[in-house]
Amino acid sequence: MRTIFKAIITLIGLSLLPAAALAHAHLDHAQPAAGTRLTQAPHEVSLWFTEAIEPKFSSIVVQDAKGTAVQDGKAEGAADNTAELKVKLKSLKAGVYKVNWKVLSVDTHRTQGTFSFTVAP
């Protein structure tokens, strides 16, 4: 009887692992996409996550090769998608740009990451 009880508890614990692994807002895709080489400078960076985020506690910082921030204002959530965060950009010149993002998901987990894109008209 005790062995069956341990087996049941183990199975319940294992069944919860996938849910725990998905409990963070991971970057799903971005526009411009990571590693993209663009012929025209974008006017904004948009990020889509695997779950809803809290825009007030999330950020996107875009930097040029010198480390100067080139975003125009703070990142905002999209009106029609709770898993999207975007920020407007100043006029970009040719060069490599690094996107640094930090988000707080609605379940209070924090994630962050970076990627770059290149403007080469």
C-alpha atoms as a PDB file:
ATOM      1  CA  MET A   1       0.000   0.000   0.000  1.00  0.00           C
ATOM      2  CA  ARG A   2       2.815   2.370   0.891  1.00  0.00           C
ATOM      3  CA  THR A   3       4.545   1.752  -2.475  1.00  0.00           C
ATOM      4  CA  ILE A   4       1.350   2.600  -4.365  1.00  0.00           C
ATOM      5  CA  PHE A   5       0.988   5.829  -2.390  1.00  0.00           C
ATOM      6  CA  LYS A   6       4.597   6.838  -3.219  1.00  0.00           C
ATOM      7  CA  ALA A   7       4.020   6.029  -6.892  1.00  0.00           C
ATOM      8  CA  ILE A   8       0.882   8.173  -7.000  1.00  0.00           C
ATOM      9  CA  ILE A   9       2.644  11.099  -5.322  1.00  0.00           C
ATOM     10  CA  THR A  10       5.562  10.776  -7.755  1.00  0.00           C
ATOM     11  CA  LEU A  11       3.239  10.743 -10.767  1.00  0.00           C
ATOM     12  CA  ILE A  12       1.399  13.811  -9.527  1.00  0.00           C
ATOM     13  CA  GLY A  13       4.705  15.629  -9.002  1.00  0.00           C
ATOM     14  CA  LEU A  14       5.972  14.689 -12.459  1.00  0.00           C
ATOM     15  CA  SER A  15       2.740  15.808 -14.088  1.00  0.00           C
ATOM     16  CA  LEU A  16       3.251  19.296 -12.656  1.00  0.00           C
ATOM     17  CA  LEU A  17       6.755  19.755 -14.091  1.00  0.00           C
ATOM     18  CA  PRO A  18       5.744  20.814 -17.626  1.00  0.00           C
ATOM     19  CA  ALA A  19       3.406  23.454 -16.209  1.00  0.00           C
ATOM     20  CA  ALA A  20       6.191  24.816 -14.027  1.00  0.00           C
ATOM     21  CA  ALA A  21       8.583  24.961 -16.971  1.00  0.00           C
ATOM     22  CA  LEU A  22       6.100  27.062 -18.955  1.00  0.00           C
ATOM     23  CA  ALA A  23       5.472  29.523 -16.130  1.00  0.00           C
ATOM     24  CA  HIS A  24       7.731  32.214 -17.594  1.00  0.00           C
ATOM     25  CA  ALA A  25       7.209  34.637 -20.460  1.00  0.00           C
ATOM     26  CA  HIS A  26       9.825  33.620 -23.019  1.00  0.00           C
ATOM     27  CA  LEU A  27      10.446  35.569 -26.206  1.00  0.00           C
ATOM     28  CA  ASP A  28       8.443  33.927 -28.987  1.00  0.00           C
ATOM     29  CA  HIS A  29       9.430  36.211 -31.866  1.00  0.00           C
ATOM     30  CA  ALA A  30      10.450  39.783 -32.623  1.00  0.00           C
ATOM     31  CA  GLN A  31      10.127  42.393 -35.332  1.00  0.00           C
ATOM     32  CA  PRO A  32      12.778  43.038 -36.485  1.00  0.00           C
ATOM     33  CA  ALA A  33      13.823  39.428 -35.964  1.00  0.00           C
ATOM     34  CA  ALA A  34      17.031  38.552 -34.144  1.00  0.00           C
ATOM     35  CA  GLY A  35      20.026  38.635 -36.462  1.00  0.00           C
ATOM     36  CA  THR A  36      18.109  40.347 -39.277  1.00  0.00           C
ATOM     37  CA  ARG A  37      19.909  42.552 -41.801  1.00  0.00           C
ATOM     38  CA  LEU A  38      17.539  45.350 -42.843  1.00  0.00           C
ATOM     39  CA  THR A  39      17.824  47.680 -45.818  1.00  0.00           C
ATOM     40  CA  GLN A  40      15.459  50.187 -44.187  1.00  0.00           C
ATOM     41  CA  ALA A  41      15.579  51.269 -40.560  1.00  0.00           C
ATOM     42  CA  PRO A  42      12.590  50.148 -38.484  1.00  0.00           C
ATOM     43  CA  HIS A  43      10.393  52.691 -36.677  1.00  0.00           C
ATOM     44  CA  GLU A  44       9.780  50.399 -33.706  1.00  0.00           C
ATOM     45  CA  VAL A  45      10.761  47.104 -32.101  1.00  0.00           C
ATOM     46  CA  SER A  46       7.935  44.699 -31.247  1.00  0.00           C
ATOM     47  CA  LEU A  47       8.374  41.614 -29.080  1.00  0.00           C
ATOM     48  CA  TRP A  48       5.868  38.772 -28.642  1.00  0.00           C
ATOM     49  CA  PHE A  49       6.080  36.487 -25.619  1.00  0.00           C
ATOM     50  CA  THR A  50       4.750  33.036 -24.790  1.00  0.00           C
ATOM     51  CA  GLU A  51       2.390  34.426 -22.165  1.00  0.00           C
ATOM     52  CA  ALA A  52       0.864  37.701 -21.028  1.00  0.00           C
ATOM     53  CA  ILE A  53       3.182  40.312 -19.533  1.00  0.00           C
ATOM     54  CA  GLU A  54       2.885  43.346 -17.268  1.00  0.00           C
ATOM     55  CA  PRO A  55       3.944  46.298 -19.497  1.00  0.00           C
ATOM     56  CA  LYS A  56       4.345  48.721 -16.571  1.00  0.00           C
ATOM     57  CA  PHE A  57       7.078  46.484 -15.140  1.00  0.00           C
ATOM     58  CA  SER A  58       8.709  45.532 -18.446  1.00  0.00           C
ATOM     59  CA  SER A  59      11.205  47.329 -20.676  1.00  0.00           C
ATOM     60  CA  ILE A  60      12.954  47.370 -24.030  1.00  0.00           C
ATOM     61  CA  VAL A  61      16.220  49.265 -24.467  1.00  0.00           C
ATOM     62  CA  VAL A  62      17.733  49.503 -27.947  1.00  0.00           C
ATOM     63  CA  GLN A  63      21.369  50.600 -28.188  1.00  0.00           C
ATOM     64  CA  ASP A  64      23.657  51.501 -31.062  1.00  0.00           C
ATOM     65  CA  ALA A  65      27.242  50.236 -31.334  1.00  0.00           C
ATOM     66  CA  LYS A  66      28.423  52.966 -28.929  1.00  0.00           C
ATOM     67  CA  GLY A  67      25.887  51.915 -26.291  1.00  0.00           C
ATOM     68  CA  THR A  68      23.671  54.962 -26.798  1.00  0.00           C
ATOM     69  CA  ALA A  69      19.960  54.290 -26.281  1.00  0.00           C
ATOM     70  CA  VAL A  70      17.972  54.900 -29.471  1.00  0.00           C
ATOM     71  CA  GLN A  71      14.437  54.106 -28.346  1.00  0.00           C
ATOM     72  CA  ASP A  72      11.952  56.981 -28.307  1.00  0.00           C
ATOM     73  CA  GLY A  73      10.156  56.722 -24.968  1.00  0.00           C
ATOM     74  CA  LYS A  74       9.187  53.744 -22.840  1.00  0.00           C
ATOM     75  CA  ALA A  75       8.023  50.358 -24.023  1.00  0.00           C
ATOM     76  CA  GLU A  76       4.269  49.849 -24.093  1.00  0.00           C
ATOM     77  CA  GLY A  77       1.977  46.872 -24.292  1.00  0.00           C
ATOM     78  CA  ALA A  78      -0.077  46.363 -27.440  1.00  0.00           C
ATOM     79  CA  ALA A  79      -3.757  47.248 -27.077  1.00  0.00           C
ATOM     80  CA  ASP A  80      -4.861  44.025 -28.769  1.00  0.00           C
ATOM     81  CA  ASN A  81      -2.327  41.525 -27.365  1.00  0.00           C
ATOM     82  CA  THR A  82      -1.323  41.148 -23.697  1.00  0.00           C
ATOM     83  CA  ALA A  83       1.764  39.159 -24.737  1.00  0.00           C
ATOM     84  CA  GLU A  84       3.231  41.920 -26.947  1.00  0.00           C
ATOM     85  CA  LEU A  85       5.587  44.710 -25.917  1.00  0.00           C
ATOM     86  CA  LYS A  86       6.827  47.409 -28.284  1.00  0.00           C
ATOM     87  CA  VAL A  87       8.872  50.583 -28.296  1.00  0.00           C
ATOM     88  CA  LYS A  88       9.237  53.359 -30.868  1.00  0.00           C
ATOM     89  CA  LEU A  89      12.698  54.153 -32.202  1.00  0.00           C
ATOM     90  CA  LYS A  90      14.480  57.365 -33.069  1.00  0.00           C
ATOM     91  CA  SER A  91      15.780  57.676 -36.628  1.00  0.00           C
ATOM     92  CA  LEU A  92      18.409  54.951 -37.036  1.00  0.00           C
ATOM     93  CA  LYS A  93      21.539  55.162 -39.158  1.00  0.00           C
ATOM     94  CA  ALA A  94      23.382  52.218 -40.676  1.00  0.00           C
ATOM     95  CA  GLY A  95      24.886  49.988 -38.008  1.00  0.00           C
ATOM     96  CA  VAL A  96      24.335  47.179 -35.541  1.00  0.00           C
ATOM     97  CA  TYR A  97      21.704  47.616 -32.825  1.00  0.00           C
ATOM     98  CA  LYS A  98      21.338  45.605 -29.631  1.00  0.00           C
ATOM     99  CA  VAL A  99      17.897  44.999 -28.120  1.00  0.00           C
ATOM    100  CA  ASN A 100      17.807  44.385 -24.356  1.00  0.00           C
ATOM    101  CA  TRP A 101      14.461  43.312 -22.928  1.00  0.00           C
ATOM    102  CA  LYS A 102      13.174  42.550 -19.447  1.00  0.00           C
ATOM    103  CA  VAL A 103       9.619  41.464 -18.753  1.00  0.00           C
ATOM    104  CA  LEU A 104       7.447  40.558 -15.823  1.00  0.00           C
ATOM    105  CA  SER A 105       4.828  37.980 -16.740  1.00  0.00           C
ATOM    106  CA  VAL A 106       1.356  38.164 -15.242  1.00  0.00           C
ATOM    107  CA  ASP A 107       2.274  35.217 -13.009  1.00  0.00           C
ATOM    108  CA  THR A 108       5.083  37.417 -11.522  1.00  0.00           C
ATOM    109  CA  HIS A 109       8.072  35.647 -13.102  1.00  0.00           C
ATOM    110  CA  ARG A 110      10.840  37.799 -14.593  1.00  0.00           C
ATOM    111  CA  THR A 111      12.751  36.959 -17.770  1.00  0.00           C
ATOM    112  CA  GLN A 112      15.229  38.907 -19.862  1.00  0.00           C
ATOM    113  CA  GLY A 113      17.296  38.608 -22.980  1.00  0.00           C
ATOM    114  CA  THR A 114      19.168  40.328 -25.766  1.00  0.00           C
ATOM    115  CA  PHE A 115      19.517  40.098 -29.510  1.00  0.00           C
ATOM    116  CA  SER A 116      20.772  42.306 -32.303  1.00  0.00           C
ATOM    117  CA  PHE A 117      19.817  43.416 -35.777  1.00  0.00           C
ATOM    118  CA  THR A 118      21.680  45.350 -38.443  1.00  0.00           C
ATOM    119  CA  VAL A 119      20.601  48.308 -40.576  1.00  0.00           C
ATOM    120  CA  ALA A 120      22.553  48.306 -43.849  1.00  0.00           C
ATOM    121  CA  PRO A 121      20.891  50.444 -46.553  1.00  0.00           C
END
